[in-house]
Protein backbone atom coordinates (compact mmCIF):
# COMPACT_ATOMS: atom_id res chain seq x y z
CA UNK A 1 43.46 -48.92 41.61
CA UNK A 2 44.96 -45.71 40.30
CA UNK A 3 48.66 -45.62 40.79
CA UNK A 4 51.19 -42.80 40.38
CA UNK A 5 54.56 -44.35 39.31
CA UNK A 6 57.70 -42.33 39.67
CA UNK A 7 59.83 -42.27 36.48
CA UNK A 8 62.49 -40.10 34.75
CA UNK A 9 62.88 -38.81 31.07
CA UNK A 10 64.57 -40.91 28.43
CA UNK A 11 66.76 -39.33 25.81
CA UNK A 12 65.53 -39.22 22.21
CA UNK A 13 61.82 -39.33 22.60
CA UNK A 14 61.17 -36.29 20.33
CA UNK A 15 58.25 -37.06 18.14
CA UNK A 16 58.50 -36.43 14.49
CA UNK A 17 55.77 -35.61 11.84
CA UNK A 18 54.43 -39.17 12.36
CA UNK A 19 54.74 -39.41 16.22
CA UNK A 20 57.38 -41.36 18.09
CA UNK A 21 58.98 -44.27 16.28
CA UNK A 22 61.67 -46.50 17.79
CA UNK A 23 62.73 -50.21 17.67
CA UNK A 24 60.47 -52.51 19.64
CA UNK A 25 63.24 -53.21 22.18
CA UNK A 26 63.41 -49.50 23.07
CA UNK A 27 59.73 -49.31 23.66
CA UNK A 28 60.04 -52.41 25.80
CA UNK A 29 62.27 -50.61 28.22
CA UNK A 30 60.58 -50.12 31.61
CA UNK A 31 58.15 -47.08 31.59
CA UNK A 32 59.21 -46.00 28.06
CA UNK A 33 55.75 -46.31 26.49
CA UNK A 34 54.25 -44.88 29.67
CA UNK A 35 56.49 -41.96 29.63
CA UNK A 36 55.36 -40.98 26.13
CA UNK A 37 51.71 -41.64 26.65
CA UNK A 38 51.86 -39.60 29.93
CA UNK A 39 53.63 -36.79 28.15
CA UNK A 40 50.87 -36.74 25.51
CA UNK A 41 48.25 -36.26 28.27
CA UNK A 42 50.39 -33.71 29.97
CA UNK A 43 50.36 -31.56 26.86
CA UNK A 44 46.59 -31.64 26.58
CA UNK A 45 44.00 -29.66 28.38
CA UNK A 46 40.22 -30.09 29.00
CA UNK A 47 39.80 -33.77 28.34
CA UNK A 48 38.28 -34.73 31.68
CA UNK A 49 35.36 -36.97 30.95
CA UNK A 50 35.95 -36.81 27.22
CA UNK A 51 36.30 -39.69 24.69
CA UNK A 52 39.54 -41.10 23.58
CA UNK A 53 39.95 -43.44 20.56
CA UNK A 54 42.77 -46.17 20.92
CA UNK A 55 43.91 -48.66 18.30
CA UNK A 56 46.78 -49.97 16.26
CA UNK A 57 47.98 -51.90 13.16
CA UNK A 58 48.48 -55.15 15.10
CA UNK A 59 52.28 -55.17 15.06
CA UNK A 60 54.29 -56.90 17.66
CA UNK A 61 53.84 -55.23 21.09
CA UNK A 62 50.50 -53.70 20.10
CA UNK A 63 48.22 -55.49 22.46
CA UNK A 64 50.44 -54.78 25.50
CA UNK A 65 50.61 -51.03 24.75
CA UNK A 66 46.85 -50.89 24.00
CA UNK A 67 46.18 -52.13 27.67
CA UNK A 68 48.72 -49.55 28.95
CA UNK A 69 47.05 -46.68 27.02
CA UNK A 70 43.59 -47.63 28.31
CA UNK A 71 44.80 -47.85 31.93
CA UNK A 72 46.52 -44.56 31.54
CA UNK A 73 43.48 -42.82 29.96
CA UNK A 74 41.47 -44.13 32.87
CA UNK A 75 43.94 -42.70 35.51
CA UNK A 76 44.26 -39.43 33.83
CA UNK A 77 40.48 -38.63 33.84
CA UNK A 78 39.14 -39.51 30.29
CA UNK A 79 35.48 -40.67 30.53
CA UNK A 80 35.34 -43.14 27.76
CA UNK A 81 37.69 -45.05 25.45
CA UNK A 82 36.68 -46.62 22.14
CA UNK A 83 39.09 -49.27 21.11
CA UNK A 84 39.12 -51.54 18.01
CA UNK A 85 38.47 -55.27 18.59
CA UNK A 86 41.69 -57.07 19.01
CA UNK A 87 43.32 -53.66 19.36
CA UNK A 88 43.07 -53.16 15.74
CA UNK A 89 42.30 -50.01 13.86
CA UNK A 90 43.53 -48.86 10.52
CA UNK A 91 44.88 -45.27 10.72
CA UNK A 92 42.09 -43.87 8.44
CA UNK A 93 39.36 -45.95 10.30
CA UNK A 94 40.76 -44.38 13.62
CA UNK A 95 40.38 -40.95 12.13
CA UNK A 96 36.88 -41.71 11.05
CA UNK A 97 35.86 -43.02 14.55
CA UNK A 98 37.34 -39.90 16.14
CA UNK A 99 35.27 -37.64 13.84
CA UNK A 100 32.11 -39.72 13.82
CA UNK A 101 32.04 -39.82 17.77
CA UNK A 102 33.29 -36.23 18.21
CA UNK A 103 36.03 -37.72 20.34
CA UNK A 104 38.65 -35.50 22.04
CA UNK A 105 41.37 -37.28 20.15
CA UNK A 106 43.04 -40.63 19.76
CA UNK A 107 46.08 -42.61 20.39
CA UNK A 108 47.32 -44.64 17.33
CA UNK A 109 49.89 -47.38 17.67
CA UNK A 110 51.83 -47.79 14.56
CA UNK A 111 55.13 -47.37 12.65
CA UNK A 112 53.16 -47.22 9.46
CA UNK A 113 55.07 -48.94 6.65
CA UNK A 114 58.02 -49.94 8.68
CA UNK A 115 58.77 -53.62 9.46
CA UNK A 116 57.34 -55.28 12.50
CA UNK A 117 58.19 -58.22 14.79
CA UNK A 118 60.33 -58.32 17.94
CA UNK A 119 63.25 -56.84 16.08
CA UNK A 120 61.17 -54.53 14.06
CA UNK A 121 59.78 -51.04 14.79
CA UNK A 122 57.07 -49.63 16.93
CA UNK A 123 55.32 -46.21 17.09
CA UNK A 124 52.92 -44.15 19.04
CA UNK A 125 51.23 -40.96 17.68
CA UNK A 126 48.48 -38.69 18.90
CA UNK A 127 45.68 -37.48 16.71
CA UNK A 128 43.60 -34.40 17.49
CA UNK A 129 39.90 -33.95 17.51
CA UNK A 130 39.59 -33.30 13.74
CA UNK A 131 40.89 -36.91 13.27
CA UNK A 132 44.27 -35.78 12.01
CA UNK A 133 47.88 -35.95 13.19
CA UNK A 134 48.55 -33.47 16.02
CA UNK A 135 50.03 -30.14 14.62
CA UNK A 136 53.46 -28.94 15.53
CA UNK A 137 52.09 -26.71 18.29
CA UNK A 138 51.03 -29.86 20.16
CA UNK A 139 53.96 -32.20 19.19
CA UNK A 140 56.33 -29.49 20.31
CA UNK A 141 54.71 -29.39 23.80
CA UNK A 142 54.59 -33.21 23.95
CA UNK A 143 58.37 -33.33 23.42
CA UNK A 144 58.91 -30.65 26.09
CA UNK A 145 56.96 -32.74 28.53
CA UNK A 146 59.02 -35.82 27.73
CA UNK A 147 62.17 -33.91 28.91
CA UNK A 148 60.67 -33.08 32.33
CA UNK A 149 58.37 -35.99 33.22
CA UNK A 150 58.79 -37.40 36.75
CA UNK A 151 55.79 -39.74 37.03
CA UNK A 152 52.79 -41.31 35.17
CA UNK A 153 49.39 -42.35 36.28
CA UNK A 154 47.85 -45.73 35.47
CA UNK A 155 44.76 -47.79 36.63
CA UNK A 156 46.58 -51.02 37.42
CA UNK A 157 45.34 -54.57 38.16
CA UNK A 158 42.73 -54.64 35.45
CA UNK A 159 42.64 -55.34 31.69
CA UNK A 160 40.18 -55.22 28.92
CA UNK A 161 38.96 -58.28 26.99
CA UNK A 162 39.83 -57.14 23.49
CA UNK A 163 38.57 -60.29 21.88
CA UNK A 164 35.05 -59.37 21.65
CA UNK A 165 33.02 -56.24 21.16
CA UNK A 166 31.10 -54.89 24.16
CA UNK A 167 31.16 -52.37 27.06
CA UNK A 168 33.15 -52.58 30.27
CA UNK A 169 34.67 -50.37 32.95
CA UNK A 170 38.23 -49.74 34.25
CA UNK A 171 39.09 -47.39 36.81
CA UNK A 172 35.69 -45.70 36.58
CA UNK A 173 36.12 -45.16 32.86
CA UNK A 174 33.92 -46.81 30.21
CA UNK A 175 35.70 -48.95 27.65
CA UNK A 176 33.88 -49.86 24.49
CA UNK A 177 35.34 -52.44 22.21
CA UNK A 178 34.09 -51.78 18.77
CA UNK A 179 34.15 -53.60 15.33
CA UNK A 180 37.05 -51.80 13.49
CA UNK A 181 35.45 -52.20 10.19
CA UNK A 182 31.65 -51.28 10.45
CA UNK A 183 31.89 -47.49 10.72
CA UNK A 184 34.67 -47.30 8.03
CA UNK A 185 32.61 -49.38 5.64
CA UNK A 186 29.55 -47.27 6.08
CA UNK A 187 31.50 -44.32 5.25
CA UNK A 188 32.85 -45.81 2.02
CA UNK A 189 29.28 -46.70 1.01
CA UNK A 190 28.44 -43.05 1.20
CA UNK A 191 31.35 -42.05 -1.01
CA UNK A 192 31.38 -44.69 -3.83
CA UNK A 193 28.90 -46.36 -6.01
CA UNK A 194 28.97 -49.85 -4.54
CA UNK A 195 26.40 -51.07 -7.12
CA UNK A 196 28.46 -50.00 -10.09
CA UNK A 197 31.60 -51.76 -8.55
CA UNK A 198 29.43 -54.90 -7.89
CA UNK A 199 28.40 -54.95 -11.52
CA UNK A 200 32.01 -54.59 -12.52
CA UNK A 201 32.93 -57.73 -10.63
CA UNK A 202 29.85 -59.49 -11.95
CA UNK A 203 31.05 -58.69 -15.50
CA UNK A 204 34.19 -60.82 -15.00
CA UNK A 205 36.52 -58.11 -13.83
CA UNK A 206 39.33 -59.42 -11.50
CA UNK A 207 41.70 -57.85 -9.10
CA UNK A 208 44.21 -58.76 -6.45
CA UNK A 209 44.66 -56.77 -3.26
CA UNK A 210 47.78 -57.38 -1.32
CA UNK A 211 47.21 -56.48 2.37
CA UNK A 212 50.72 -57.49 3.22
CA UNK A 213 49.82 -59.39 6.35
CA UNK A 214 48.89 -56.01 7.78
CA UNK A 215 45.85 -54.14 9.06
CA UNK A 216 43.85 -53.78 5.75
CA UNK A 217 43.43 -57.54 5.43
CA UNK A 218 40.12 -57.63 7.31
CA UNK A 219 38.90 -54.26 5.66
CA UNK A 220 39.61 -55.75 2.30
CA UNK A 221 38.02 -59.04 2.86
CA UNK A 222 34.97 -57.29 4.46
CA UNK A 223 34.57 -54.72 1.80
CA UNK A 224 36.01 -56.16 -1.44
CA UNK A 225 35.10 -59.76 -1.04
CA UNK A 226 32.05 -59.40 1.24
CA UNK A 227 30.22 -56.28 0.33
CA UNK A 228 31.26 -55.85 -3.27
CA UNK A 229 31.32 -59.43 -4.25
CA UNK A 230 34.88 -59.77 -5.49
CA UNK A 231 35.71 -63.55 -5.70
CA UNK A 232 37.22 -65.21 -2.66
CA UNK A 233 41.03 -65.07 -2.78
CA UNK A 234 41.04 -61.44 -4.20
CA UNK A 235 42.64 -60.34 -1.04
CA UNK A 236 46.14 -61.87 -0.58
CA UNK A 237 48.18 -61.90 2.54
CA UNK A 238 44.98 -60.99 4.30
CA UNK A 239 45.56 -61.96 7.88
CA UNK A 240 47.19 -59.33 10.19
CA UNK A 241 50.45 -60.72 11.76
CA UNK A 242 52.64 -59.31 14.49
CA UNK A 243 55.68 -59.45 12.09
CA UNK A 244 53.64 -58.95 8.98
CA UNK A 245 54.52 -62.41 7.89
CA UNK A 246 58.16 -61.20 7.30
CA UNK A 247 56.96 -58.54 4.73
CA UNK A 248 58.29 -55.08 4.86
CA UNK A 249 54.67 -53.64 4.60
CA UNK A 250 55.60 -50.71 2.29
CA UNK A 251 53.39 -50.83 -0.84
CA UNK A 252 55.87 -50.26 -3.72
CA UNK A 253 57.08 -52.40 -6.50
CA UNK A 254 60.10 -53.68 -4.52
CA UNK A 255 58.21 -54.78 -1.22
CA UNK A 256 55.07 -55.87 -3.03
CA UNK A 257 57.06 -57.70 -5.66
CA UNK A 258 54.86 -60.70 -5.68
CA UNK A 259 51.86 -58.60 -6.69
CA UNK A 260 54.01 -56.49 -9.08
CA UNK A 261 55.44 -59.60 -10.88
CA UNK A 262 51.82 -60.98 -11.15
CA UNK A 263 50.45 -57.71 -12.78
CA UNK A 264 53.36 -57.73 -15.27
CA UNK A 265 52.73 -61.38 -16.16
CA UNK A 266 50.58 -62.95 -18.89
CA UNK A 267 48.19 -64.17 -16.14
CA UNK A 268 47.57 -60.80 -14.75
CA UNK A 269 44.16 -59.80 -13.57
CA UNK A 270 42.63 -56.43 -14.60
CA UNK A 271 43.75 -54.55 -11.50
CA UNK A 272 46.23 -54.86 -8.63
CA UNK A 273 46.42 -52.75 -5.51
CA UNK A 274 48.18 -52.92 -2.00
CA UNK A 275 48.22 -51.13 1.25
CA UNK A 276 50.70 -50.73 4.11
CA UNK A 277 51.21 -51.68 7.66
CA UNK A 278 48.53 -49.29 9.07
CA UNK A 279 46.45 -48.97 6.15
CA UNK A 280 47.15 -45.31 5.00
CA UNK A 281 49.15 -45.91 1.83
CA UNK A 282 48.42 -47.53 -1.38
CA UNK A 283 49.95 -49.01 -4.55
CA UNK A 284 47.96 -49.10 -7.78
CA UNK A 285 48.95 -51.24 -10.82
CA UNK A 286 47.02 -52.19 -13.83
CA UNK A 287 47.84 -55.07 -16.13
CA UNK A 288 51.29 -54.19 -17.36
CA UNK A 289 50.85 -50.64 -16.03
CA UNK A 290 52.33 -49.40 -12.84
CA UNK A 291 50.76 -46.02 -11.71
CA UNK A 292 53.08 -43.85 -9.85
CA UNK A 293 51.61 -42.25 -6.66
CA UNK A 294 52.07 -38.73 -8.17
CA UNK A 295 50.15 -39.80 -11.33
CA UNK A 296 47.45 -41.61 -9.25
CA UNK A 297 46.81 -38.43 -7.38
CA UNK A 298 46.38 -36.55 -10.54
CA UNK A 299 44.22 -39.18 -12.17
CA UNK A 300 42.03 -39.56 -9.14
CA UNK A 301 41.42 -35.78 -9.04
CA UNK A 302 40.56 -35.76 -12.69
CA UNK A 303 38.04 -38.47 -12.46
CA UNK A 304 36.74 -38.08 -8.85
CA UNK A 305 33.42 -36.54 -10.06
CA UNK A 306 32.54 -40.20 -11.25
CA UNK A 307 32.08 -41.17 -7.63
CA UNK A 308 28.87 -40.02 -5.73
CA UNK A 309 30.81 -38.45 -2.95
CA UNK A 310 32.72 -36.09 -5.22
CA UNK A 311 30.10 -35.56 -7.85
CA UNK A 312 29.77 -31.88 -6.73
CA UNK A 313 33.37 -31.19 -7.76
CA UNK A 314 36.55 -30.49 -5.79
CA UNK A 315 37.25 -27.31 -3.80
CA UNK A 316 40.96 -27.65 -4.55
CA UNK A 317 43.85 -30.08 -4.54
CA UNK A 318 46.84 -30.18 -2.35
CA UNK A 319 50.10 -32.03 -2.87
CA UNK A 320 53.43 -32.32 -0.87
CA UNK A 321 56.25 -30.41 -2.42
CA UNK A 322 58.18 -33.51 -3.46
CA UNK A 323 55.06 -34.86 -5.34
CA UNK A 324 55.22 -34.32 -9.06
CA UNK A 325 53.38 -31.41 -10.55
CA UNK A 326 51.03 -33.65 -12.45
CA UNK A 327 48.18 -32.61 -10.17
CA UNK A 328 48.82 -28.98 -10.80
CA UNK A 329 47.74 -29.30 -14.51
CA UNK A 330 44.53 -31.07 -13.37
CA UNK A 331 43.72 -28.27 -10.96
CA UNK A 332 44.40 -25.69 -13.74
CA UNK A 333 42.05 -27.37 -16.16
CA UNK A 334 39.32 -27.60 -13.43
CA UNK A 335 39.73 -24.06 -12.47
CA UNK A 336 40.70 -24.70 -8.88
CA UNK A 337 43.79 -24.14 -6.78
CA UNK A 338 46.54 -26.56 -6.22
CA UNK A 339 48.31 -26.10 -2.81
CA UNK A 340 52.06 -27.19 -2.44
CA UNK A 341 52.90 -28.07 1.24
CA UNK A 342 55.75 -29.71 3.14
CA UNK A 343 55.76 -33.39 3.43
CA UNK A 344 53.45 -34.67 6.32
CA UNK A 345 49.73 -35.13 6.34
CA UNK A 346 49.21 -32.73 9.19
CA UNK A 347 49.94 -29.84 6.66
CA UNK A 348 46.75 -30.84 4.78
CA UNK A 349 44.60 -30.64 7.88
CA UNK A 350 44.22 -27.01 7.94
CA UNK A 351 43.31 -26.86 4.19
CA UNK A 352 40.85 -29.61 4.57
CA UNK A 353 39.21 -28.16 7.70
CA UNK A 354 38.97 -24.71 6.04
CA UNK A 355 37.21 -26.33 3.03
CA UNK A 356 40.05 -25.13 0.67
CA UNK A 357 40.73 -28.61 -0.80
CA UNK A 358 39.04 -31.92 -1.35
CA UNK A 359 41.66 -34.30 -2.41
CA UNK A 360 45.36 -34.52 -1.13
CA UNK A 361 48.27 -36.52 -1.91
CA UNK A 362 51.96 -37.43 -1.41
CA UNK A 363 54.41 -39.08 -3.67
CA UNK A 364 55.07 -41.60 -0.83
CA UNK A 365 52.05 -43.52 -1.88
CA UNK A 366 49.56 -41.59 0.41
CA UNK A 367 46.26 -40.13 -1.05
CA UNK A 368 43.08 -39.16 0.68
CA UNK A 369 40.25 -36.62 0.82
CA UNK A 370 38.10 -34.62 3.04
CA UNK A 371 36.19 -37.74 4.29
CA UNK A 372 38.83 -38.13 7.09
CA UNK A 373 41.91 -36.45 8.07
CA UNK A 374 44.51 -39.09 7.33
CA UNK A 375 45.68 -40.48 3.95
CA UNK A 376 43.62 -43.68 3.18
CA UNK A 377 44.91 -46.60 1.24
CA UNK A 378 41.73 -48.57 0.66
CA UNK A 379 39.79 -45.36 -0.03
CA UNK A 380 42.09 -44.62 -3.07
CA UNK A 381 41.67 -48.37 -4.21
CA UNK A 382 37.87 -48.00 -3.98
CA UNK A 383 37.98 -44.62 -5.94
CA UNK A 384 39.88 -46.36 -8.63
CA UNK A 385 37.43 -49.15 -8.72
CA UNK A 386 34.54 -46.61 -9.08
CA UNK A 387 36.40 -44.92 -11.90
CA UNK A 388 37.04 -48.26 -13.60
CA UNK A 389 33.43 -49.25 -13.09
CA UNK A 390 32.13 -46.01 -14.66
CA UNK A 391 34.69 -45.73 -17.50
CA UNK A 392 34.83 -49.41 -18.34
CA UNK A 393 38.41 -49.03 -19.68
CA UNK A 394 41.67 -50.74 -18.56
CA UNK A 395 44.00 -48.94 -16.18
CA UNK A 396 46.57 -48.70 -18.95
CA UNK A 397 43.93 -46.96 -21.19
CA UNK A 398 43.05 -44.45 -18.57
CA UNK A 399 46.72 -43.72 -17.83
CA UNK A 400 47.54 -43.23 -21.49
CA UNK A 401 44.57 -40.88 -22.14
CA UNK A 402 45.53 -38.81 -19.14
CA UNK A 403 49.11 -38.39 -20.44
CA UNK A 404 47.76 -37.49 -23.91
CA UNK A 405 45.41 -34.80 -22.31
CA UNK A 406 47.73 -33.44 -19.78
CA UNK A 407 51.26 -34.43 -20.61
CA UNK A 408 53.37 -36.72 -18.67
CA UNK A 409 55.68 -36.11 -15.61
CA UNK A 410 58.44 -38.67 -15.72
CA UNK A 411 59.05 -39.05 -12.06
CA UNK A 412 61.22 -41.22 -9.81
CA UNK A 413 62.30 -41.30 -6.09
CA UNK A 414 65.67 -42.70 -5.06
CA UNK A 415 65.99 -43.64 -1.48
CA UNK A 416 69.26 -44.10 0.31
CA UNK A 417 68.26 -45.82 3.50
CA UNK A 418 69.99 -45.92 6.85
CA UNK A 419 72.69 -43.54 5.83
CA UNK A 420 74.90 -42.25 8.62
CA UNK A 421 72.85 -39.43 10.04
CA UNK A 422 75.90 -37.05 10.34
CA UNK A 423 76.92 -37.79 6.79
CA UNK A 424 73.36 -37.21 5.60
CA UNK A 425 73.28 -33.80 7.53
CA UNK A 426 76.56 -32.70 5.94
CA UNK A 427 75.22 -33.47 2.53
CA UNK A 428 72.21 -31.31 3.02
CA UNK A 429 74.45 -28.50 4.46
CA UNK A 430 76.77 -28.73 1.48
CA UNK A 431 73.68 -28.29 -0.87
CA UNK A 432 72.40 -25.30 1.18
CA UNK A 433 75.83 -23.75 0.72
CA UNK A 434 75.60 -24.17 -3.09
CA UNK A 435 72.24 -22.40 -3.35
CA UNK A 436 73.61 -19.14 -4.64
CA UNK A 437 76.17 -20.67 -7.14
CA UNK A 438 74.19 -23.45 -8.86
CA UNK A 439 71.65 -21.27 -10.77
CA UNK A 440 72.70 -20.73 -14.48
CA UNK A 441 74.68 -24.06 -14.39
CA UNK A 442 73.23 -27.24 -15.87
CA UNK A 443 70.03 -25.37 -17.01
CA UNK A 444 69.14 -24.66 -13.29
CA UNK A 445 66.98 -21.63 -13.07
CA UNK A 446 66.60 -21.48 -9.18
CA UNK A 447 67.63 -23.34 -6.09
CA UNK A 448 65.84 -22.82 -2.71
CA UNK A 449 65.26 -24.49 0.65
CA UNK A 450 61.43 -24.90 0.54
CA UNK A 451 59.41 -22.93 3.03
CA UNK A 452 55.57 -22.94 3.45
CA UNK A 453 53.36 -20.18 4.74
CA UNK A 454 50.03 -21.88 5.87
CA UNK A 455 47.14 -19.86 4.35
CA UNK A 456 44.80 -20.77 7.19
CA UNK A 457 46.76 -20.15 10.35
CA UNK A 458 49.55 -17.99 9.00
CA UNK A 459 52.32 -20.42 10.47
CA UNK A 460 55.54 -20.79 8.60
CA UNK A 461 57.59 -24.04 8.04
CA UNK A 462 61.09 -23.64 6.92
CA UNK A 463 63.96 -25.91 5.61
CA UNK A 464 61.60 -28.49 4.02
CA UNK A 465 63.95 -29.63 1.35
CA UNK A 466 66.33 -28.41 -1.31
CA UNK A 467 64.71 -27.86 -4.67
CA UNK A 468 66.74 -27.48 -7.99
CA UNK A 469 64.32 -25.97 -10.46
CA UNK A 470 65.28 -26.18 -14.07
CA UNK A 471 64.46 -23.96 -17.08
CA UNK A 472 62.29 -26.67 -18.80
CA UNK A 473 60.29 -27.32 -15.74
CA UNK A 474 62.22 -30.29 -14.45
CA UNK A 475 63.09 -30.68 -10.74
CA UNK A 476 65.56 -32.33 -8.57
CA UNK A 477 64.57 -32.31 -4.86
CA UNK A 478 66.66 -33.51 -1.80
CA UNK A 479 65.26 -34.12 1.68
CA UNK A 480 65.80 -36.26 4.79
CA UNK A 481 62.97 -38.39 5.81
CA UNK A 482 61.86 -38.79 9.43
CA UNK A 483 60.03 -42.09 9.03
CA UNK A 484 62.78 -44.47 9.67
CA UNK A 485 64.26 -45.68 13.06
CA UNK A 486 67.81 -46.19 12.25
CA UNK A 487 70.24 -43.71 10.79
CA UNK A 488 68.86 -41.26 8.12
CA UNK A 489 67.01 -41.71 4.76
CA UNK A 490 68.10 -39.52 2.02
CA UNK A 491 65.34 -39.15 -0.54
CA UNK A 492 66.09 -37.72 -3.93
CA UNK A 493 63.12 -36.87 -6.25
CA UNK A 494 63.72 -36.47 -10.00
CA UNK A 495 61.20 -35.11 -12.39
CA UNK A 496 60.83 -34.11 -16.06
CA UNK A 497 57.81 -32.99 -17.76
CA UNK A 498 57.17 -34.32 -21.28
CA UNK A 499 54.32 -32.63 -23.07
CA UNK A 500 54.75 -34.64 -26.46
CA UNK A 501 52.55 -37.74 -26.12
CA UNK A 502 54.59 -39.54 -28.81
CA UNK A 503 57.29 -39.88 -26.29
CA UNK A 504 55.17 -41.20 -23.41
CA UNK A 505 56.31 -44.69 -23.96
CA UNK A 506 59.79 -44.10 -22.80
CA UNK A 507 60.84 -46.02 -19.75
CA UNK A 508 60.97 -43.56 -16.79
CA UNK A 509 64.60 -44.18 -15.55
CA UNK A 510 65.79 -43.81 -19.17
CA UNK A 511 63.85 -40.59 -19.56
CA UNK A 512 65.46 -39.21 -16.39
CA UNK A 513 69.02 -40.70 -16.85
CA UNK A 514 70.78 -37.29 -17.23
CA UNK A 515 68.95 -35.67 -14.25
CA UNK A 516 69.79 -38.78 -12.22
CA UNK A 517 73.41 -38.60 -12.92
CA UNK A 518 73.36 -34.83 -12.22
CA UNK A 519 71.50 -35.36 -8.90
CA UNK A 520 74.08 -37.73 -7.59
CA UNK A 521 77.09 -35.58 -8.92
CA UNK A 522 75.84 -32.30 -7.43
CA UNK A 523 75.15 -33.69 -3.98
CA UNK A 524 78.39 -35.86 -4.07
CA UNK A 525 76.19 -38.77 -2.92
CA UNK A 526 78.78 -41.60 -3.21
CA UNK A 527 81.62 -39.66 -1.62
CA UNK A 528 79.57 -38.36 1.29
CA UNK A 529 77.46 -41.38 2.00
CA UNK A 530 79.55 -44.27 0.68
CA UNK A 531 76.44 -45.35 -1.42
CA UNK A 532 76.93 -45.75 -5.17
CA UNK A 533 73.23 -46.74 -5.71
CA UNK A 534 69.90 -46.16 -4.00
CA UNK A 535 68.40 -48.79 -1.72
CA UNK A 536 65.02 -48.42 -3.22
CA UNK A 537 63.88 -46.80 -6.56
CA UNK A 538 60.11 -46.07 -7.03
C-alpha cells in the first residue's frame, strides 16, 4: 500500500561532498532518513519507470534503511531497484552496477571510513547516472528540498528478502537482489592480468589484506583467495560486521596498526594492503616500506601500462589539491596533463566523463580510474599486484627506483579531529587575513585560497583551502574536512620536494620538521584549538 506520511523539516540536513553523515541516533529519529531520501527524489526529474541501485557498507542500521529506501523508491515511481544481497554493496561496486545497467542513479548507505555501531556514524548519498557522486547542482537542490519537505511517500506493509538473490515485487516495482561481487569481479578481470597475478602467488609470494571487518571482506575473499589463488587467511578481518568489530575502518597506519606492525616485523609477508568501511580507500605497505597515498598515485600512474586495461596509456592524471605533486612529474614525463582539483571525488567526474584523465587520486587514500566514477580500494590493490607480478621486484625496490627517477616528495598530513567548529572557522579566517602579509616571510612565495575552474562545464569552486607555496617548491595547506560527524577536522598538509636521491632515506617527519613547526606557529593551532599535537599523523 502506498502511503503519504506528513512530516516536517529537520535542521542540519545539508549534504556535504559525501552526502549526509550524522550519528546513528540522529538517523534513528522518526522520519529522519525518510525525509532525506524523499528530498533526494524531490530534487530529481524523469525517473518514472527507471532503475535505481541501492546498497550499503553493512554498518549498523543499514538493513533498516535499505528497506525504507526500496519502499520509497516504489512509492515515488521507480520501475526497478537493484539491491545487493544482504543490503551490501561496496561504493565502487555500486558505481559499476549503475553504469553497467544504465541505471538512473543510486542510493548508497555509508559513512565511508567513519566508525559504525549503535553509537557510530551513518550516511546516505546519491550517485548520479554516470555512477559518480551527485554534483553540487544536485546536492544544492537536495538541501533546498530538505528545508521545505512536508511529506514523504512509501510503500508500506511489505519488505524484501535480502538474504538471497532473486526477483520480487513491491508496490508494483520490480526488486532484484543481486550478488554484490559478480559484476565487480568481472570488471576487474577485464582490467588486470589475473593469470600473471596467479603465477605470482604460485611462486610463493604472500600478502595480507585487512578488510577491517568492513565491506571488502567478501570481495577480497572472492577475488584474492578465490579467483587469484592467494592462500586461505590472506584476507584478515574479512567478515563485515555492523560495528566493524570495533575497528575505526580508516586504512591508515594508525587504525590498521595490526597490519602495519606485521609489515614492519621480521615475519612480514611480501605485500600488505587494507581498505575502508565502504571499500573506496586503500592502504599499501610493502615489507618495511609504507607507501603514502600520494606516492601510490604517482607510482600506479607510472606503471599502469603493465596492466591490460591501461596498456594503451593514460589520457591524463588528476589529483586533489592537497595531494602531493609527485603525480605531476609522472604526467610531465609521460607528456600528459595533470589536473589539480578541489578535494571530493565528484570533481574528477567531469574530467573522467570527458576523457581528459584516466587515473585520479587523493591523498586521503583514495585512488581510482575511468573504470567507475568512485575511488576504488580493491582496484588499487589489484593494480599494485599486477605491477608486482610483471616487475617481480619488491615494493621497496619499486618505491626506491621511483624516487631515484622522479625525486621524492616528503609529505605528511596532520589531522586535528573534533576541534570546536567555531575555533576551527576562526583559525581559517585568521589565515585568510594573513594572505597578503605572509609572502616574502619564511621563504613563502605565495599564499592563496585555492579556487578551481572546471575545464569541462566552466563552473568555479572557491575557498577550497589555504595554500602556502614556498620558493623551493615546498607547500603547507590548511583545510577543514567535511567527513566527520562531530565538530570540525582541521587538516594540515606539509610537503617538501627532495630531488637528491642520496637523501631519500631520511624519515619523513624529520625531513619536514621545520615546516611542521612553521605550520603550527603561523596558524596558532595550539592557542586557537587547544591542541598541542595532531590526533592522527599520516
